[in-house]
Amino acid sequence: MAKSHVESQVKQPIYHDPWAQREAWRKHPIFSKTSNLKTLFPGLGIATVAFAAYCTYEHFFLTNKKSH
């Protein structure tokens, strides 16, 4: 069954960008801003937790009783 002229025109996109394939890498998740922020300082989260644990340990267990 052949389609009418109007039906064939409606299903085609109105605007076709010839550069869409070449610009698709910009929308890839690797290049998102949140991904760049996470990889900017890779060990910052672990280091922050370790530093906070050390400060807590030092405050409660390594107090000097003879200080002023």
PDB file of N, CA and C in Angstrom:
ATOM      1  N   MET A   1       0.846  -1.166   0.000  1.00  0.00           N
ATOM      2  CA  MET A   1       0.000   0.000   0.000  1.00  0.00           C
ATOM      3  C   MET A   1       0.899   1.239   0.000  1.00  0.00           C
ATOM      4  N   ALA A   2       0.667   2.114  -0.892  1.00  0.00           N
ATOM      5  CA  ALA A   2       1.476   3.315  -1.028  1.00  0.00           C
ATOM      6  C   ALA A   2       0.952   4.407  -0.105  1.00  0.00           C
ATOM      7  N   LYS A   3       1.887   5.156   0.446  1.00  0.00           N
ATOM      8  CA  LYS A   3       1.516   6.254   1.336  1.00  0.00           C
ATOM      9  C   LYS A   3       1.245   7.501   0.501  1.00  0.00           C
ATOM     10  N   SER A   4       0.380   8.316   1.024  1.00  0.00           N
ATOM     11  CA  SER A   4       0.112   9.571   0.323  1.00  0.00           C
ATOM     12  C   SER A   4       1.286  10.528   0.533  1.00  0.00           C
ATOM     13  N   HIS A   5       1.302  11.567  -0.218  1.00  0.00           N
ATOM     14  CA  HIS A   5       2.367  12.565  -0.149  1.00  0.00           C
ATOM     15  C   HIS A   5       2.415  13.243   1.224  1.00  0.00           C
ATOM     16  N   VAL A   6       1.272  13.490   1.823  1.00  0.00           N
ATOM     17  CA  VAL A   6       1.197  14.161   3.122  1.00  0.00           C
ATOM     18  C   VAL A   6       1.717  13.243   4.225  1.00  0.00           C
ATOM     19  N   GLU A   7       1.357  11.975   4.207  1.00  0.00           N
ATOM     20  CA  GLU A   7       1.814  11.025   5.233  1.00  0.00           C
ATOM     21  C   GLU A   7       3.329  10.854   5.206  1.00  0.00           C
ATOM     22  N   SER A   8       3.916  10.811   4.057  1.00  0.00           N
ATOM     23  CA  SER A   8       5.363  10.635   3.976  1.00  0.00           C
ATOM     24  C   SER A   8       6.105  11.880   4.459  1.00  0.00           C
ATOM     25  N   GLN A   9       5.534  13.049   4.288  1.00  0.00           N
ATOM     26  CA  GLN A   9       6.166  14.270   4.753  1.00  0.00           C
ATOM     27  C   GLN A   9       6.024  14.458   6.254  1.00  0.00           C
ATOM     28  N   VAL A  10       4.963  13.997   6.856  1.00  0.00           N
ATOM     29  CA  VAL A  10       4.728  14.189   8.283  1.00  0.00           C
ATOM     30  C   VAL A  10       5.713  13.372   9.108  1.00  0.00           C
ATOM     31  N   LYS A  11       6.080  12.186   8.698  1.00  0.00           N
ATOM     32  CA  LYS A  11       6.940  11.318   9.487  1.00  0.00           C
ATOM     33  C   LYS A  11       8.417  11.704   9.389  1.00  0.00           C
ATOM     34  N   GLN A  12       8.787  12.498   8.430  1.00  0.00           N
ATOM     35  CA  GLN A  12      10.172  12.928   8.321  1.00  0.00           C
ATOM     36  C   GLN A  12      10.399  14.120   9.239  1.00  0.00           C
ATOM     37  N   PRO A  13      11.570  14.213   9.831  1.00  0.00           N
ATOM     38  CA  PRO A  13      11.827  15.372  10.692  1.00  0.00           C
ATOM     39  C   PRO A  13      11.834  16.662   9.887  1.00  0.00           C
ATOM     40  N   ILE A  14      11.323  17.698  10.519  1.00  0.00           N
ATOM     41  CA  ILE A  14      11.256  18.992   9.845  1.00  0.00           C
ATOM     42  C   ILE A  14      12.655  19.587   9.723  1.00  0.00           C
ATOM     43  N   TYR A  15      13.434  19.467  10.774  1.00  0.00           N
ATOM     44  CA  TYR A  15      14.775  20.044  10.783  1.00  0.00           C
ATOM     45  C   TYR A  15      15.786  18.914  10.921  1.00  0.00           C
ATOM     46  N   HIS A  16      16.663  18.819   9.977  1.00  0.00           N
ATOM     47  CA  HIS A  16      17.710  17.797  10.031  1.00  0.00           C
ATOM     48  C   HIS A  16      19.061  18.496  10.110  1.00  0.00           C
ATOM     49  N   ASP A  17      19.783  18.240  11.194  1.00  0.00           N
ATOM     50  CA  ASP A  17      21.082  18.862  11.393  1.00  0.00           C
ATOM     51  C   ASP A  17      22.160  17.961  10.791  1.00  0.00           C
ATOM     52  N   PRO A  18      22.858  18.418   9.778  1.00  0.00           N
ATOM     53  CA  PRO A  18      23.897  17.573   9.173  1.00  0.00           C
ATOM     54  C   PRO A  18      25.109  17.387  10.092  1.00  0.00           C
ATOM     55  N   TRP A  19      25.268  18.240  11.106  1.00  0.00           N
ATOM     56  CA  TRP A  19      26.406  18.141  12.012  1.00  0.00           C
ATOM     57  C   TRP A  19      26.053  17.418  13.306  1.00  0.00           C
ATOM     58  N   ALA A  20      24.886  16.848  13.417  1.00  0.00           N
ATOM     59  CA  ALA A  20      24.430  16.213  14.665  1.00  0.00           C
ATOM     60  C   ALA A  20      25.357  15.076  15.089  1.00  0.00           C
ATOM     61  N   GLN A  21      25.805  14.271  14.161  1.00  0.00           N
ATOM     62  CA  GLN A  21      26.690  13.165  14.521  1.00  0.00           C
ATOM     63  C   GLN A  21      28.023  13.676  15.047  1.00  0.00           C
ATOM     64  N   ARG A  22      28.510  14.740  14.488  1.00  0.00           N
ATOM     65  CA  ARG A  22      29.815  15.265  14.911  1.00  0.00           C
ATOM     66  C   ARG A  22      29.732  16.024  16.229  1.00  0.00           C
ATOM     67  N   GLU A  23      28.553  16.478  16.605  1.00  0.00           N
ATOM     68  CA  GLU A  23      28.368  17.195  17.861  1.00  0.00           C
ATOM     69  C   GLU A  23      27.858  16.278  18.972  1.00  0.00           C
ATOM     70  N   ALA A  24      27.592  15.017  18.693  1.00  0.00           N
ATOM     71  CA  ALA A  24      27.016  14.106  19.675  1.00  0.00           C
ATOM     72  C   ALA A  24      27.956  13.841  20.843  1.00  0.00           C
ATOM     73  N   TRP A  25      29.254  13.927  20.650  1.00  0.00           N
ATOM     74  CA  TRP A  25      30.202  13.655  21.742  1.00  0.00           C
ATOM     75  C   TRP A  25      30.053  14.662  22.867  1.00  0.00           C
ATOM     76  N   ARG A  26      29.561  15.860  22.569  1.00  0.00           N
ATOM     77  CA  ARG A  26      29.412  16.880  23.602  1.00  0.00           C
ATOM     78  C   ARG A  26      28.350  16.512  24.629  1.00  0.00           C
ATOM     79  N   LYS A  27      27.410  15.674  24.246  1.00  0.00           N
ATOM     80  CA  LYS A  27      26.334  15.276  25.147  1.00  0.00           C
ATOM     81  C   LYS A  27      26.615  13.933  25.837  1.00  0.00           C
ATOM     82  N   HIS A  28      27.773  13.377  25.613  1.00  0.00           N
ATOM     83  CA  HIS A  28      28.138  12.103  26.239  1.00  0.00           C
ATOM     84  C   HIS A  28      28.339  12.315  27.737  1.00  0.00           C
ATOM     85  N   PRO A  29      27.936  11.341  28.581  1.00  0.00           N
ATOM     86  CA  PRO A  29      28.060  11.507  30.035  1.00  0.00           C
ATOM     87  C   PRO A  29      29.480  11.713  30.541  1.00  0.00           C
ATOM     88  N   ILE A  30      30.470  11.286  29.823  1.00  0.00           N
ATOM     89  CA  ILE A  30      31.852  11.461  30.262  1.00  0.00           C
ATOM     90  C   ILE A  30      32.211  12.938  30.339  1.00  0.00           C
ATOM     91  N   PHE A  31      31.633  13.740  29.470  1.00  0.00           N
ATOM     92  CA  PHE A  31      31.972  15.156  29.400  1.00  0.00           C
ATOM     93  C   PHE A  31      31.004  16.054  30.164  1.00  0.00           C
ATOM     94  N   SER A  32      30.172  15.479  31.041  1.00  0.00           N
ATOM     95  CA  SER A  32      29.248  16.308  31.813  1.00  0.00           C
ATOM     96  C   SER A  32      30.000  17.018  32.938  1.00  0.00           C
ATOM     97  N   LYS A  33      29.419  18.076  33.459  1.00  0.00           N
ATOM     98  CA  LYS A  33      30.088  18.864  34.495  1.00  0.00           C
ATOM     99  C   LYS A  33      30.204  18.088  35.798  1.00  0.00           C
ATOM    100  N   THR A  34      29.199  17.283  36.140  1.00  0.00           N
ATOM    101  CA  THR A  34      29.285  16.520  37.387  1.00  0.00           C
ATOM    102  C   THR A  34      30.369  15.450  37.301  1.00  0.00           C
ATOM    103  N   SER A  35      30.535  14.868  36.142  1.00  0.00           N
ATOM    104  CA  SER A  35      31.594  13.873  35.969  1.00  0.00           C
ATOM    105  C   SER A  35      32.957  14.525  36.104  1.00  0.00           C
ATOM    106  N   ASN A  36      33.109  15.717  35.546  1.00  0.00           N
ATOM    107  CA  ASN A  36      34.390  16.411  35.650  1.00  0.00           C
ATOM    108  C   ASN A  36      34.694  16.805  37.089  1.00  0.00           C
ATOM    109  N   LEU A  37      33.695  17.201  37.860  1.00  0.00           N
ATOM    110  CA  LEU A  37      33.924  17.561  39.256  1.00  0.00           C
ATOM    111  C   LEU A  37      34.284  16.341  40.096  1.00  0.00           C
ATOM    112  N   LYS A  38      33.693  15.198  39.789  1.00  0.00           N
ATOM    113  CA  LYS A  38      34.001  13.983  40.548  1.00  0.00           C
ATOM    114  C   LYS A  38      35.425  13.504  40.281  1.00  0.00           C
ATOM    115  N   THR A  39      35.886  13.688  39.075  1.00  0.00           N
ATOM    116  CA  THR A  39      37.229  13.213  38.739  1.00  0.00           C
ATOM    117  C   THR A  39      38.301  14.271  38.962  1.00  0.00           C
ATOM    118  N   LEU A  40      37.909  15.475  39.359  1.00  0.00           N
ATOM    119  CA  LEU A  40      38.880  16.533  39.582  1.00  0.00           C
ATOM    120  C   LEU A  40      39.773  16.205  40.779  1.00  0.00           C
ATOM    121  N   PHE A  41      39.170  15.775  41.877  1.00  0.00           N
ATOM    122  CA  PHE A  41      39.897  15.361  43.084  1.00  0.00           C
ATOM    123  C   PHE A  41      39.467  13.939  43.432  1.00  0.00           C
ATOM    124  N   PRO A  42      40.119  12.918  42.885  1.00  0.00           N
ATOM    125  CA  PRO A  42      39.623  11.552  43.031  1.00  0.00           C
ATOM    126  C   PRO A  42      39.654  11.013  44.458  1.00  0.00           C
ATOM    127  N   GLY A  43      40.580  11.417  45.299  1.00  0.00           N
ATOM    128  CA  GLY A  43      40.660  10.862  46.644  1.00  0.00           C
ATOM    129  C   GLY A  43      40.156  11.790  47.725  1.00  0.00           C
ATOM    130  N   LEU A  44      39.486  12.874  47.336  1.00  0.00           N
ATOM    131  CA  LEU A  44      39.069  13.875  48.310  1.00  0.00           C
ATOM    132  C   LEU A  44      38.053  13.333  49.313  1.00  0.00           C
ATOM    133  N   GLY A  45      37.122  12.533  48.881  1.00  0.00           N
ATOM    134  CA  GLY A  45      36.106  11.986  49.784  1.00  0.00           C
ATOM    135  C   GLY A  45      36.711  11.068  50.832  1.00  0.00           C
ATOM    136  N   ILE A  46      37.566  10.167  50.412  1.00  0.00           N
ATOM    137  CA  ILE A  46      38.204   9.232  51.338  1.00  0.00           C
ATOM    138  C   ILE A  46      39.137   9.982  52.290  1.00  0.00           C
ATOM    139  N   ALA A  47      39.867  10.946  51.769  1.00  0.00           N
ATOM    140  CA  ALA A  47      40.784  11.712  52.610  1.00  0.00           C
ATOM    141  C   ALA A  47      40.029  12.538  53.645  1.00  0.00           C
ATOM    142  N   THR A  48      38.894  13.099  53.286  1.00  0.00           N
ATOM    143  CA  THR A  48      38.090  13.888  54.225  1.00  0.00           C
ATOM    144  C   THR A  48      37.570  13.017  55.356  1.00  0.00           C
ATOM    145  N   VAL A  49      37.094  11.835  55.040  1.00  0.00           N
ATOM    146  CA  VAL A  49      36.601  10.910  56.070  1.00  0.00           C
ATOM    147  C   VAL A  49      37.747  10.463  56.970  1.00  0.00           C
ATOM    148  N   ALA A  50      38.888  10.152  56.404  1.00  0.00           N
ATOM    149  CA  ALA A  50      40.036   9.721  57.210  1.00  0.00           C
ATOM    150  C   ALA A  50      40.521  10.853  58.115  1.00  0.00           C
ATOM    151  N   PHE A  51      40.560  12.076  57.625  1.00  0.00           N
ATOM    152  CA  PHE A  51      40.989  13.208  58.431  1.00  0.00           C
ATOM    153  C   PHE A  51      40.008  13.489  59.568  1.00  0.00           C
ATOM    154  N   ALA A  52      38.712  13.402  59.277  1.00  0.00           N
ATOM    155  CA  ALA A  52      37.704  13.614  60.317  1.00  0.00           C
ATOM    156  C   ALA A  52      37.795  12.526  61.393  1.00  0.00           C
ATOM    157  N   ALA A  53      38.037  11.290  60.984  1.00  0.00           N
ATOM    158  CA  ALA A  53      38.182  10.203  61.956  1.00  0.00           C
ATOM    159  C   ALA A  53      39.419  10.416  62.822  1.00  0.00           C
ATOM    160  N   TYR A  54      40.522  10.849  62.226  1.00  0.00           N
ATOM    161  CA  TYR A  54      41.735  11.107  62.995  1.00  0.00           C
ATOM    162  C   TYR A  54      41.527  12.260  63.975  1.00  0.00           C
ATOM    163  N   CYS A  55      40.874  13.335  63.532  1.00  0.00           N
ATOM    164  CA  CYS A  55      40.632  14.473  64.435  1.00  0.00           C
ATOM    165  C   CYS A  55      39.736  14.071  65.610  1.00  0.00           C
ATOM    166  N   THR A  56      38.735  13.242  65.335  1.00  0.00           N
ATOM    167  CA  THR A  56      37.859  12.758  66.402  1.00  0.00           C
ATOM    168  C   THR A  56      38.639  11.889  67.378  1.00  0.00           C
ATOM    169  N   TYR A  57      39.456  10.986  66.870  1.00  0.00           N
ATOM    170  CA  TYR A  57      40.280  10.123  67.725  1.00  0.00           C
ATOM    171  C   TYR A  57      41.233  10.959  68.571  1.00  0.00           C
ATOM    172  N   GLU A  58      41.863  11.940  67.968  1.00  0.00           N
ATOM    173  CA  GLU A  58      42.812  12.783  68.688  1.00  0.00           C
ATOM    174  C   GLU A  58      42.114  13.592  69.783  1.00  0.00           C
ATOM    175  N   HIS A  59      40.939  14.080  69.489  1.00  0.00           N
ATOM    176  CA  HIS A  59      40.208  14.905  70.453  1.00  0.00           C
ATOM    177  C   HIS A  59      39.780  14.101  71.682  1.00  0.00           C
ATOM    178  N   PHE A  60      39.314  12.885  71.473  1.00  0.00           N
ATOM    179  CA  PHE A  60      38.768  12.105  72.592  1.00  0.00           C
ATOM    180  C   PHE A  60      39.792  11.208  73.278  1.00  0.00           C
ATOM    181  N   PHE A  61      40.777  10.700  72.571  1.00  0.00           N
ATOM    182  CA  PHE A  61      41.673   9.706  73.153  1.00  0.00           C
ATOM    183  C   PHE A  61      43.101  10.199  73.385  1.00  0.00           C
ATOM    184  N   LEU A  62      43.541  11.216  72.714  1.00  0.00           N
ATOM    185  CA  LEU A  62      44.913  11.666  72.855  1.00  0.00           C
ATOM    186  C   LEU A  62      44.983  13.033  73.560  1.00  0.00           C
ATOM    187  N   THR A  63      44.078  13.278  74.490  1.00  0.00           N
ATOM    188  CA  THR A  63      44.102  14.552  75.203  1.00  0.00           C
ATOM    189  C   THR A  63      45.196  14.542  76.240  1.00  0.00           C
ATOM    190  N   ASN A  64      45.862  15.657  76.384  1.00  0.00           N
ATOM    191  CA  ASN A  64      46.926  15.793  77.365  1.00  0.00           C
ATOM    192  C   ASN A  64      46.297  16.342  78.646  1.00  0.00           C
ATOM    193  N   LYS A  65      46.362  15.577  79.723  1.00  0.00           N
ATOM    194  CA  LYS A  65      45.723  15.977  80.985  1.00  0.00           C
ATOM    195  C   LYS A  65      46.514  17.088  81.671  1.00  0.00           C
ATOM    196  N   LYS A  66      47.804  17.296  81.338  1.00  0.00           N
ATOM    197  CA  LYS A  66      48.641  18.258  82.036  1.00  0.00           C
ATOM    198  C   LYS A  66      48.684  19.610  81.345  1.00  0.00           C
ATOM    199  N   SER A  67      47.809  19.841  80.384  1.00  0.00           N
ATOM    200  CA  SER A  67      47.845  21.125  79.676  1.00  0.00           C
ATOM    201  C   SER A  67      47.169  22.212  80.514  1.00  0.00           C
ATOM    202  N   HIS A  68      47.321  23.449  80.151  1.00  0.00           N
ATOM    203  CA  HIS A  68      46.813  24.590  80.915  1.00  0.00           C
ATOM    204  C   HIS A  68      45.336  24.561  80.965  1.00  0.00           C
TER     205      HIS A  68
END
